[in-house]
Amino acid sequence: MSHTTEVRERVLAYIEEGGLIKTACKLFRVSRSSIQRWRLRKTVTGVLSPVERTNAPYKVDDEALKRYIEFHPDAHLNELASHFGLTPSGIWRALKRLKITRKKDHALC
């Protein structure tokens, strides 16, 4: 979870009044990199509020992935990835989101 705008303002005010960054880290329990990032953000944009995060749409159509797996149950992640134009890790995340396991049933072999 990100720090509130109030905390960010208090930290930067402390430093602007002559406080050391090292002391501010301990006093406000924030990291040095956070303070540096906030200072840069305030200098560049003039704003300290946290950046709004938006979720990008999924890169693979869930229904298309389900249909493909239905007709190609033995397809490996690499095959699925090349078919949909994604990386194997992207396919793995989509399968995880859809709660589809890729374990083979060795009892049928």
C-alpha atoms as a PDB file:
ATOM      1  CA  MET A   1       0.000   0.000   0.000  1.00  0.00           C
ATOM      2  CA  SER A   2       1.293   3.437  -0.840  1.00  0.00           C
ATOM      3  CA  HIS A   3       1.916   6.211   1.649  1.00  0.00           C
ATOM      4  CA  THR A   4      -0.675   8.942   1.947  1.00  0.00           C
ATOM      5  CA  THR A   5      -0.099  12.356   0.439  1.00  0.00           C
ATOM      6  CA  GLU A   6       0.014  13.801   3.965  1.00  0.00           C
ATOM      7  CA  VAL A   7       2.932  11.554   4.956  1.00  0.00           C
ATOM      8  CA  ARG A   8       4.774  12.407   1.753  1.00  0.00           C
ATOM      9  CA  GLU A   9       4.319  16.137   2.396  1.00  0.00           C
ATOM     10  CA  ARG A  10       5.509  15.816   6.000  1.00  0.00           C
ATOM     11  CA  VAL A  11       8.630  13.903   4.950  1.00  0.00           C
ATOM     12  CA  LEU A  12       9.558  16.423   2.264  1.00  0.00           C
ATOM     13  CA  ALA A  13       8.821  19.355   4.585  1.00  0.00           C
ATOM     14  CA  TYR A  14      11.157  17.823   7.177  1.00  0.00           C
ATOM     15  CA  ILE A  15      13.934  17.519   4.594  1.00  0.00           C
ATOM     16  CA  GLU A  16      13.348  21.025   3.210  1.00  0.00           C
ATOM     17  CA  GLU A  17      13.716  22.398   6.753  1.00  0.00           C
ATOM     18  CA  GLY A  18      17.205  20.906   6.927  1.00  0.00           C
ATOM     19  CA  GLY A  19      16.537  17.382   8.139  1.00  0.00           C
ATOM     20  CA  LEU A  20      18.721  14.586   6.843  1.00  0.00           C
ATOM     21  CA  ILE A  21      17.275  11.971   4.523  1.00  0.00           C
ATOM     22  CA  LYS A  22      18.762   9.215   6.687  1.00  0.00           C
ATOM     23  CA  THR A  23      16.989  10.621   9.755  1.00  0.00           C
ATOM     24  CA  ALA A  24      13.740  11.076   7.824  1.00  0.00           C
ATOM     25  CA  CYS A  25      13.867   7.419   6.800  1.00  0.00           C
ATOM     26  CA  LYS A  26      14.015   6.301  10.415  1.00  0.00           C
ATOM     27  CA  LEU A  27      11.619   8.924  11.756  1.00  0.00           C
ATOM     28  CA  PHE A  28       8.851   8.375   9.189  1.00  0.00           C
ATOM     29  CA  ARG A  29       9.657   4.716   8.448  1.00  0.00           C
ATOM     30  CA  VAL A  30      10.048   5.170   4.713  1.00  0.00           C
ATOM     31  CA  SER A  31      12.826   4.103   2.382  1.00  0.00           C
ATOM     32  CA  ARG A  32      15.457   6.362   0.907  1.00  0.00           C
ATOM     33  CA  SER A  33      14.335   5.408  -2.602  1.00  0.00           C
ATOM     34  CA  SER A  34      10.754   6.460  -1.797  1.00  0.00           C
ATOM     35  CA  ILE A  35      11.946   9.867  -0.607  1.00  0.00           C
ATOM     36  CA  GLN A  36      14.063  10.331  -3.720  1.00  0.00           C
ATOM     37  CA  ARG A  37      11.144   9.297  -5.923  1.00  0.00           C
ATOM     38  CA  TRP A  38       8.782  11.730  -4.138  1.00  0.00           C
ATOM     39  CA  ARG A  39      11.268  14.600  -4.460  1.00  0.00           C
ATOM     40  CA  LEU A  40      11.652  13.949  -8.173  1.00  0.00           C
ATOM     41  CA  ARG A  41       7.883  13.634  -8.662  1.00  0.00           C
ATOM     42  CA  LYS A  42       7.266  16.924  -6.843  1.00  0.00           C
ATOM     43  CA  THR A  43       9.976  18.676  -8.877  1.00  0.00           C
ATOM     44  CA  VAL A  44       8.748  17.368 -12.232  1.00  0.00           C
ATOM     45  CA  THR A  45       4.959  17.374 -11.785  1.00  0.00           C
ATOM     46  CA  GLY A  46       4.401  19.485  -8.680  1.00  0.00           C
ATOM     47  CA  VAL A  47       2.134  16.748  -7.304  1.00  0.00           C
ATOM     48  CA  LEU A  48       2.780  14.246  -4.518  1.00  0.00           C
ATOM     49  CA  SER A  49      -0.371  12.133  -4.659  1.00  0.00           C
ATOM     50  CA  PRO A  50       0.029   8.441  -5.517  1.00  0.00           C
ATOM     51  CA  VAL A  51      -0.238   7.511  -9.182  1.00  0.00           C
ATOM     52  CA  GLU A  52      -3.581   6.011 -10.168  1.00  0.00           C
ATOM     53  CA  ARG A  53      -3.108   2.454 -11.358  1.00  0.00           C
ATOM     54  CA  THR A  54      -5.268   1.113 -14.157  1.00  0.00           C
ATOM     55  CA  ASN A  55      -5.607  -2.491 -15.145  1.00  0.00           C
ATOM     56  CA  ALA A  56      -4.820  -3.156 -18.769  1.00  0.00           C
ATOM     57  CA  PRO A  57      -7.137  -5.546 -20.610  1.00  0.00           C
ATOM     58  CA  TYR A  58      -6.030  -9.157 -20.834  1.00  0.00           C
ATOM     59  CA  LYS A  59      -3.916  -9.963 -23.882  1.00  0.00           C
ATOM     60  CA  VAL A  60      -5.653 -13.250 -24.573  1.00  0.00           C
ATOM     61  CA  ASP A  61      -9.364 -13.906 -25.025  1.00  0.00           C
ATOM     62  CA  ASP A  62     -10.364 -16.277 -22.227  1.00  0.00           C
ATOM     63  CA  GLU A  63     -12.979 -18.098 -24.312  1.00  0.00           C
ATOM     64  CA  ALA A  64     -10.579 -18.575 -27.225  1.00  0.00           C
ATOM     65  CA  LEU A  65      -7.968 -20.009 -24.859  1.00  0.00           C
ATOM     66  CA  LYS A  66     -10.514 -22.400 -23.321  1.00  0.00           C
ATOM     67  CA  ARG A  67     -11.672 -23.567 -26.783  1.00  0.00           C
ATOM     68  CA  TYR A  68      -8.110 -24.100 -27.971  1.00  0.00           C
ATOM     69  CA  ILE A  69      -7.263 -26.163 -24.895  1.00  0.00           C
ATOM     70  CA  GLU A  70     -10.467 -28.165 -25.343  1.00  0.00           C
ATOM     71  CA  PHE A  71      -9.387 -29.178 -28.865  1.00  0.00           C
ATOM     72  CA  HIS A  72      -5.668 -29.427 -28.043  1.00  0.00           C
ATOM     73  CA  PRO A  73      -5.529 -30.814 -24.484  1.00  0.00           C
ATOM     74  CA  ASP A  74      -1.889 -31.908 -24.791  1.00  0.00           C
ATOM     75  CA  ALA A  75      -0.560 -28.562 -26.035  1.00  0.00           C
ATOM     76  CA  HIS A  76       2.465 -27.299 -24.144  1.00  0.00           C
ATOM     77  CA  LEU A  77       2.838 -23.737 -22.882  1.00  0.00           C
ATOM     78  CA  ASN A  78       5.225 -22.915 -25.726  1.00  0.00           C
ATOM     79  CA  GLU A  79       2.691 -24.122 -28.300  1.00  0.00           C
ATOM     80  CA  LEU A  80      -0.084 -22.102 -26.686  1.00  0.00           C
ATOM     81  CA  ALA A  81       2.164 -19.061 -26.481  1.00  0.00           C
ATOM     82  CA  SER A  82       3.123 -19.182 -30.157  1.00  0.00           C
ATOM     83  CA  HIS A  83      -0.512 -19.729 -31.204  1.00  0.00           C
ATOM     84  CA  PHE A  84      -1.739 -16.691 -29.249  1.00  0.00           C
ATOM     85  CA  GLY A  85       1.363 -14.552 -29.802  1.00  0.00           C
ATOM     86  CA  LEU A  86       2.288 -14.362 -26.124  1.00  0.00           C
ATOM     87  CA  THR A  87       5.072 -15.571 -23.883  1.00  0.00           C
ATOM     88  CA  PRO A  88       4.785 -18.876 -22.013  1.00  0.00           C
ATOM     89  CA  SER A  89       4.619 -16.957 -18.725  1.00  0.00           C
ATOM     90  CA  GLY A  90       1.720 -14.867 -20.083  1.00  0.00           C
ATOM     91  CA  ILE A  91      -0.163 -18.039 -21.011  1.00  0.00           C
ATOM     92  CA  TRP A  92       0.636 -19.535 -17.606  1.00  0.00           C
ATOM     93  CA  ARG A  93      -0.855 -16.462 -15.857  1.00  0.00           C
ATOM     94  CA  ALA A  94      -3.979 -16.662 -18.031  1.00  0.00           C
ATOM     95  CA  LEU A  95      -4.391 -20.356 -17.216  1.00  0.00           C
ATOM     96  CA  LYS A  96      -3.914 -19.644 -13.529  1.00  0.00           C
ATOM     97  CA  ARG A  97      -6.520 -16.865 -13.680  1.00  0.00           C
ATOM     98  CA  LEU A  98      -8.955 -19.285 -15.380  1.00  0.00           C
ATOM     99  CA  LYS A  99      -8.076 -22.019 -12.839  1.00  0.00           C
ATOM    100  CA  ILE A 100      -7.013 -24.416 -15.578  1.00  0.00           C
ATOM    101  CA  THR A 101      -4.295 -26.867 -14.600  1.00  0.00           C
ATOM    102  CA  ARG A 102      -1.903 -28.328 -17.149  1.00  0.00           C
ATOM    103  CA  LYS A 103      -1.092 -31.513 -15.251  1.00  0.00           C
ATOM    104  CA  LYS A 104      -1.121 -34.651 -17.343  1.00  0.00           C
ATOM    105  CA  ASP A 105      -3.113 -37.664 -16.196  1.00  0.00           C
ATOM    106  CA  HIS A 106      -0.404 -40.338 -16.094  1.00  0.00           C
ATOM    107  CA  ALA A 107      -2.914 -43.009 -15.031  1.00  0.00           C
ATOM    108  CA  LEU A 108      -4.319 -43.012 -18.571  1.00  0.00           C
ATOM    109  CA  CYS A 109      -0.922 -43.707 -20.186  1.00  0.00           C
END
